[in-house]
Amino acid sequence: MSKVKVGFVQMSCSGNKAENLAKATERIREAAAKGAQIVCLQELFTSLYFCDVEDYDNFSLAEPIPGPSTDALQKVAGELGVVIIASLFEKRAQGLYHNTTAVLDADGSYLGKYRKMHIPDDPAYYEKFYFTPGDLGYKVFKTKFATFGVLICWDQWYPEAARITALMGAEILFYPTAIGWATSQDEATNVEQYNAWQTIQRSHAVANGIHVVSVNRVGFEQEGAMKFWGGSFIANPFGSIIYQASHENEEVFVQELDLGQTDRYRTHWPFMRDRRIDSYAPITKRFIDEA
């Protein structure tokens, strides 16, 4: 299919897991009613962003994948005939946890999962306390409507991840995300951070000649100390912003993408053709200490 309608759900979350799943389900239904064929939810949508603290009690939020949340969403996907991208806290085994996104096809089948590869450890983003780095490698999912790749939040800053996923045949890159501003920071700092976040992802669209869909949460958490900045957006293969969501409000948005544009962009700006793959071996080093 050359054209596909993608939807994203930008929402706030509560501390009630069942409530968040129900809310996300209603938003998926809203997106489907608007014509969406693929719907992407934000990172860790069934809970508040719990990684702001290192608290062992938060491990109780995790679940197996496949598991209860994917079972529920598979029914919704099959009923509505939509593909669902669902970011969840995965309990793989006792004491082993991942930040994982499941992909459910339009017939309700479970296609597989991607485990977040790059794990941050910053103030209020203590993800290394909770998540083991992904070990499934980069993934593409061949769904009824499109073949796409999923990367998760901190993965956004790494062009290597986007490139490898594109080389595997992804027609769209989806980035479920949870990122925001510390409310103690000044406005200029906040604007600069958001611009950097959007710019790096737009560059992935340009470098790989494909659409990028980045889906963030919105609203205040951590008792008002963190404001998740929303600003979910869709960029075309030239990095132009097709749509950008509000920084303040929840949104369900649907956009038709013409995947046939990829061939035109890659033909006129032939970055794939001109890659010097014979020269890239040093990229696998941690740091190049010798000239």
Protein backbone atom coordinates (compact mmCIF):
# COMPACT_ATOMS: atom_id res chain seq x y z
CA MET A 1 0.00 0.00 0.00
CA SER A 2 1.38 3.38 -0.98
CA LYS A 3 -0.79 5.41 1.36
CA VAL A 4 -1.53 4.74 5.02
CA LYS A 5 -3.32 6.67 7.73
CA VAL A 6 -1.36 6.82 10.99
CA GLY A 7 -2.72 8.04 14.28
CA PHE A 8 -1.10 8.96 17.55
CA VAL A 9 -2.45 9.30 21.07
CA GLN A 10 -0.89 12.04 23.20
CA MET A 11 -2.36 11.84 26.69
CA SER A 12 -1.80 12.37 30.39
CA CYS A 13 -1.69 9.43 32.78
CA SER A 14 -2.75 8.67 36.34
CA GLY A 15 -1.46 6.28 38.97
CA ASN A 16 -4.21 3.78 38.12
CA LYS A 17 -3.04 1.21 35.58
CA ALA A 18 -6.50 -0.05 34.64
CA GLU A 19 -7.73 3.52 34.22
CA ASN A 20 -4.87 4.37 31.87
CA LEU A 21 -5.43 1.26 29.75
CA ALA A 22 -9.13 2.07 29.47
CA LYS A 23 -8.36 5.67 28.52
CA ALA A 24 -5.85 4.59 25.87
CA THR A 25 -8.40 2.13 24.48
CA GLU A 26 -10.98 4.88 24.10
CA ARG A 27 -8.40 7.06 22.36
CA ILE A 28 -7.57 4.22 19.97
CA ARG A 29 -11.25 3.95 19.15
CA GLU A 30 -11.33 7.69 18.50
CA ALA A 31 -8.34 7.44 16.16
CA ALA A 32 -9.93 4.52 14.31
CA ALA A 33 -13.14 6.52 13.91
CA LYS A 34 -11.02 9.23 12.26
CA GLY A 35 -9.69 6.68 9.79
CA ALA A 36 -6.43 5.60 11.42
CA GLN A 37 -5.01 2.28 10.23
CA ILE A 38 -1.98 2.35 12.55
CA VAL A 39 -2.20 3.86 16.05
CA CYS A 40 0.85 4.58 18.19
CA LEU A 41 0.62 5.11 21.96
CA GLN A 42 3.20 6.97 24.05
CA GLU A 43 5.96 5.36 26.11
CA LEU A 44 4.82 3.45 29.24
CA PHE A 45 1.24 4.63 28.78
CA THR A 46 -0.29 2.40 31.47
CA SER A 47 1.29 4.36 34.34
CA LEU A 48 2.79 7.60 35.46
CA TYR A 49 6.43 7.93 34.43
CA PHE A 50 7.73 6.06 37.46
CA CYS A 51 11.44 6.33 36.60
CA ASP A 52 11.65 9.70 38.33
CA VAL A 53 12.54 7.76 41.51
CA GLU A 54 14.37 4.55 42.34
CA ASP A 55 11.63 2.65 44.15
CA TYR A 56 11.43 -1.15 44.28
CA ASP A 57 7.65 -0.97 44.62
CA ASN A 58 7.42 0.24 41.02
CA PHE A 59 8.49 -3.16 39.71
CA SER A 60 4.96 -4.31 40.51
CA LEU A 61 3.82 -2.30 37.47
CA ALA A 62 5.60 -4.69 35.11
CA GLU A 63 3.90 -7.53 33.24
CA PRO A 64 4.84 -10.23 30.74
CA ILE A 65 4.62 -9.55 27.01
CA PRO A 66 2.44 -11.09 25.69
CA GLY A 67 0.36 -10.54 28.80
CA PRO A 68 -2.78 -8.86 30.16
CA SER A 69 -2.37 -5.51 28.38
CA THR A 70 -1.49 -7.01 25.01
CA ASP A 71 -4.37 -9.49 25.35
CA ALA A 72 -6.80 -6.61 25.89
CA LEU A 73 -5.37 -4.54 23.05
CA GLN A 74 -5.32 -7.47 20.64
CA LYS A 75 -9.09 -7.66 20.99
CA VAL A 76 -9.37 -3.95 20.23
CA ALA A 77 -7.04 -4.23 17.23
CA GLY A 78 -9.03 -7.13 15.79
CA GLU A 79 -12.38 -5.46 16.43
CA LEU A 80 -11.37 -2.15 14.84
CA GLY A 81 -9.07 -3.55 12.15
CA VAL A 82 -6.16 -1.31 13.22
CA VAL A 83 -2.51 -1.90 14.01
CA ILE A 84 -1.59 -0.89 17.58
CA ILE A 85 1.88 0.08 18.85
CA ALA A 86 1.86 -0.33 22.63
CA SER A 87 4.77 0.62 24.93
CA LEU A 88 4.82 -1.41 28.17
CA PHE A 89 6.96 -2.25 31.20
CA GLU A 90 7.97 -5.86 30.54
CA LYS A 91 8.69 -8.44 33.22
CA ARG A 92 10.76 -11.00 31.35
CA ALA A 93 11.72 -13.13 34.35
CA GLN A 94 12.21 -12.72 38.08
CA GLY A 95 14.51 -9.72 38.48
CA LEU A 96 14.74 -9.07 34.72
CA TYR A 97 12.80 -6.19 33.21
CA HIS A 98 12.72 -4.27 29.91
CA ASN A 99 11.18 -1.13 28.44
CA THR A 100 9.36 -2.81 25.57
CA THR A 101 6.95 -2.01 22.77
CA ALA A 102 4.55 -4.63 21.45
CA VAL A 103 3.06 -4.51 17.95
CA LEU A 104 -0.41 -5.92 17.32
CA ASP A 105 -1.63 -6.41 13.75
CA ALA A 106 -5.00 -5.37 12.37
CA ASP A 107 -6.40 -8.90 12.70
CA GLY A 108 -5.63 -8.90 16.42
CA SER A 109 -2.53 -11.05 16.15
CA TYR A 110 0.59 -10.40 18.21
CA LEU A 111 3.44 -9.64 15.78
CA GLY A 112 6.29 -9.24 18.24
CA LYS A 113 8.14 -6.73 20.39
CA TYR A 114 11.08 -4.36 20.45
CA ARG A 115 13.11 -3.83 23.62
CA LYS A 116 14.59 -0.39 24.15
CA MET A 117 18.30 -0.50 23.37
CA HIS A 118 19.57 2.79 24.82
CA ILE A 119 18.80 3.26 28.53
CA PRO A 120 19.31 6.70 30.13
CA ASP A 121 20.32 7.56 33.67
CA ASP A 122 19.73 11.24 34.35
CA PRO A 123 18.11 13.18 37.21
CA ALA A 124 14.40 12.18 37.20
CA TYR A 125 15.09 9.60 34.44
CA TYR A 126 16.58 6.73 36.44
CA GLU A 127 15.84 4.08 33.83
CA LYS A 128 18.97 2.00 34.43
CA PHE A 129 17.52 1.12 37.85
CA TYR A 130 14.55 -0.54 36.16
CA PHE A 131 15.44 -1.65 32.63
CA THR A 132 17.92 -4.10 31.18
CA PRO A 133 19.09 -2.93 27.72
CA GLY A 134 17.32 -4.61 24.84
CA ASP A 135 18.78 -7.80 23.40
CA LEU A 136 16.48 -8.38 20.42
CA GLY A 137 18.33 -5.97 18.19
CA TYR A 138 16.54 -3.49 15.97
CA LYS A 139 13.23 -4.63 14.56
CA VAL A 140 10.81 -4.03 11.72
CA PHE A 141 7.22 -5.21 11.73
CA LYS A 142 5.40 -6.19 8.54
CA THR A 143 1.80 -5.28 9.28
CA LYS A 144 -1.31 -5.27 7.12
CA PHE A 145 -0.85 -1.61 6.25
CA ALA A 146 2.89 -0.89 6.30
CA THR A 147 6.30 -2.17 7.31
CA PHE A 148 7.65 0.01 10.10
CA GLY A 149 10.28 0.19 12.80
CA VAL A 150 9.80 1.10 16.44
CA LEU A 151 12.43 2.81 18.58
CA ILE A 152 11.80 4.13 22.09
CA CYS A 153 12.50 7.57 23.56
CA TRP A 154 16.26 7.68 24.40
CA ASP A 155 16.85 5.74 21.17
CA GLN A 156 15.82 9.00 19.47
CA TRP A 157 19.24 10.54 19.95
CA TYR A 158 21.14 7.81 18.08
CA PRO A 159 21.34 8.02 14.28
CA GLU A 160 22.79 4.52 14.21
CA ALA A 161 19.52 3.07 15.51
CA ALA A 162 17.44 4.92 12.93
CA ARG A 163 19.80 3.97 10.10
CA ILE A 164 19.87 0.27 10.93
CA THR A 165 16.09 0.13 11.26
CA ALA A 166 15.68 1.91 7.93
CA LEU A 167 18.17 -0.47 6.28
CA MET A 168 16.01 -3.35 7.50
CA GLY A 169 13.17 -2.04 5.37
CA ALA A 170 11.21 0.26 7.67
CA GLU A 171 8.88 2.57 5.74
CA ILE A 172 8.07 4.62 8.88
CA LEU A 173 9.92 5.13 12.16
CA PHE A 174 7.73 5.35 15.27
CA TYR A 175 9.13 6.73 18.53
CA PRO A 176 6.95 6.22 21.64
CA THR A 177 8.31 8.77 24.12
CA ALA A 178 8.16 10.18 27.65
CA ILE A 179 10.13 13.40 27.89
CA GLY A 180 9.52 16.78 29.43
CA TRP A 181 10.80 19.88 31.17
CA ALA A 182 11.73 20.32 34.79
CA THR A 183 9.43 23.14 35.85
CA SER A 184 12.36 24.75 37.66
CA GLN A 185 14.07 25.49 34.32
CA ASP A 186 13.68 28.76 32.49
CA GLU A 187 11.70 29.13 29.29
CA ALA A 188 14.74 29.54 27.03
CA THR A 189 16.22 26.27 28.27
CA ASN A 190 12.92 24.48 27.72
CA VAL A 191 12.58 25.78 24.16
CA GLU A 192 16.18 24.82 23.36
CA GLN A 193 15.69 21.29 24.68
CA TYR A 194 12.49 20.72 22.73
CA ASN A 195 14.05 22.06 19.53
CA ALA A 196 17.03 19.72 19.91
CA TRP A 197 14.71 16.76 20.51
CA GLN A 198 12.65 17.51 17.43
CA THR A 199 15.67 18.38 15.25
CA ILE A 200 17.48 15.08 15.84
CA GLN A 201 14.40 13.12 14.85
CA ARG A 202 13.73 15.25 11.80
CA SER A 203 17.32 14.52 10.78
CA HIS A 204 16.55 10.78 10.91
CA ALA A 205 13.72 11.38 8.45
CA VAL A 206 16.06 13.26 6.09
CA ALA A 207 19.03 10.90 6.34
CA ASN A 208 16.88 7.83 5.72
CA GLY A 209 14.25 9.28 3.40
CA ILE A 210 11.29 8.06 5.48
CA HIS A 211 8.50 9.43 7.64
CA VAL A 212 9.04 9.78 11.39
CA VAL A 213 6.21 9.74 13.95
CA SER A 214 7.15 10.75 17.51
CA VAL A 215 4.51 10.32 20.23
CA ASN A 216 4.98 11.93 23.66
CA ARG A 217 2.93 12.16 26.84
CA VAL A 218 1.66 15.49 28.16
CA GLY A 219 0.87 17.08 31.50
CA PHE A 220 2.37 17.56 34.95
CA GLU A 221 3.78 14.68 36.99
CA GLN A 222 6.12 14.30 39.97
CA GLU A 223 3.83 16.60 41.98
CA GLY A 224 4.33 19.36 39.43
CA ALA A 225 8.12 19.12 39.21
CA MET A 226 8.01 17.70 35.68
CA LYS A 227 5.90 18.88 32.77
CA PHE A 228 5.86 16.39 29.93
CA TRP A 229 6.02 18.58 26.91
CA GLY A 230 3.70 16.82 24.48
CA GLY A 231 4.63 18.25 21.10
CA SER A 232 4.13 14.92 19.34
CA PHE A 233 4.85 15.35 15.66
CA ILE A 234 5.02 13.77 12.22
CA ALA A 235 7.85 14.60 9.80
CA ASN A 236 8.03 13.74 6.11
CA PRO A 237 11.16 12.34 4.38
CA PHE A 238 12.57 15.87 3.95
CA GLY A 239 12.20 16.48 7.68
CA SER A 240 9.36 18.94 7.21
CA ILE A 241 6.81 18.96 10.03
CA ILE A 242 3.46 17.74 8.74
CA TYR A 243 1.80 18.17 12.10
CA GLN A 244 2.87 19.12 15.62
CA ALA A 245 0.65 18.62 18.65
CA SER A 246 0.12 21.02 21.51
CA HIS A 247 2.48 21.29 24.47
CA GLU A 248 -0.52 21.63 26.77
CA ASN A 249 -3.35 19.37 25.65
CA GLU A 250 -4.19 15.75 25.06
CA GLU A 251 -4.68 14.97 21.38
CA VAL A 252 -5.70 12.20 19.04
CA PHE A 253 -4.47 13.00 15.54
CA VAL A 254 -4.61 11.09 12.26
CA GLN A 255 -2.52 11.83 9.17
CA GLU A 256 -2.38 10.12 5.79
CA LEU A 257 1.19 9.37 4.71
CA ASP A 258 2.22 8.67 1.14
CA LEU A 259 4.93 6.03 1.52
CA GLY A 260 5.62 6.29 -2.20
CA GLN A 261 7.42 9.55 -1.41
CA THR A 262 10.35 7.55 -0.03
CA ASP A 263 11.43 6.39 -3.47
CA ARG A 264 11.25 9.92 -4.86
CA TYR A 265 13.19 11.43 -1.96
CA ARG A 266 15.82 8.70 -2.03
CA THR A 267 16.20 9.06 -5.80
CA HIS A 268 16.65 12.83 -5.73
CA TRP A 269 18.79 12.83 -2.56
CA PRO A 270 20.56 9.47 -2.96
CA PHE A 271 22.08 9.12 0.49
CA MET A 272 21.54 5.36 0.40
CA ARG A 273 23.37 5.07 -2.90
CA ASP A 274 26.37 7.09 -1.73
CA ARG A 275 26.94 5.43 1.63
CA ARG A 276 30.59 4.38 2.02
CA ILE A 277 29.95 1.19 3.92
CA ASP A 278 33.60 0.18 3.45
CA SER A 279 34.66 3.09 5.70
CA TYR A 280 32.31 2.71 8.65
CA ALA A 281 34.01 0.01 10.73
CA PRO A 282 35.32 2.54 13.33
CA ILE A 283 31.73 3.32 14.38
CA THR A 284 31.70 0.12 16.43
CA LYS A 285 34.44 1.44 18.74
CA ARG A 286 33.53 3.13 22.03
CA PHE A 287 35.96 5.95 21.25
CA ILE A 288 38.69 6.37 18.63
CA ASP A 289 41.73 7.10 20.77
CA GLU A 290 44.33 7.00 17.99
CA ALA A 291 44.48 9.36 15.05
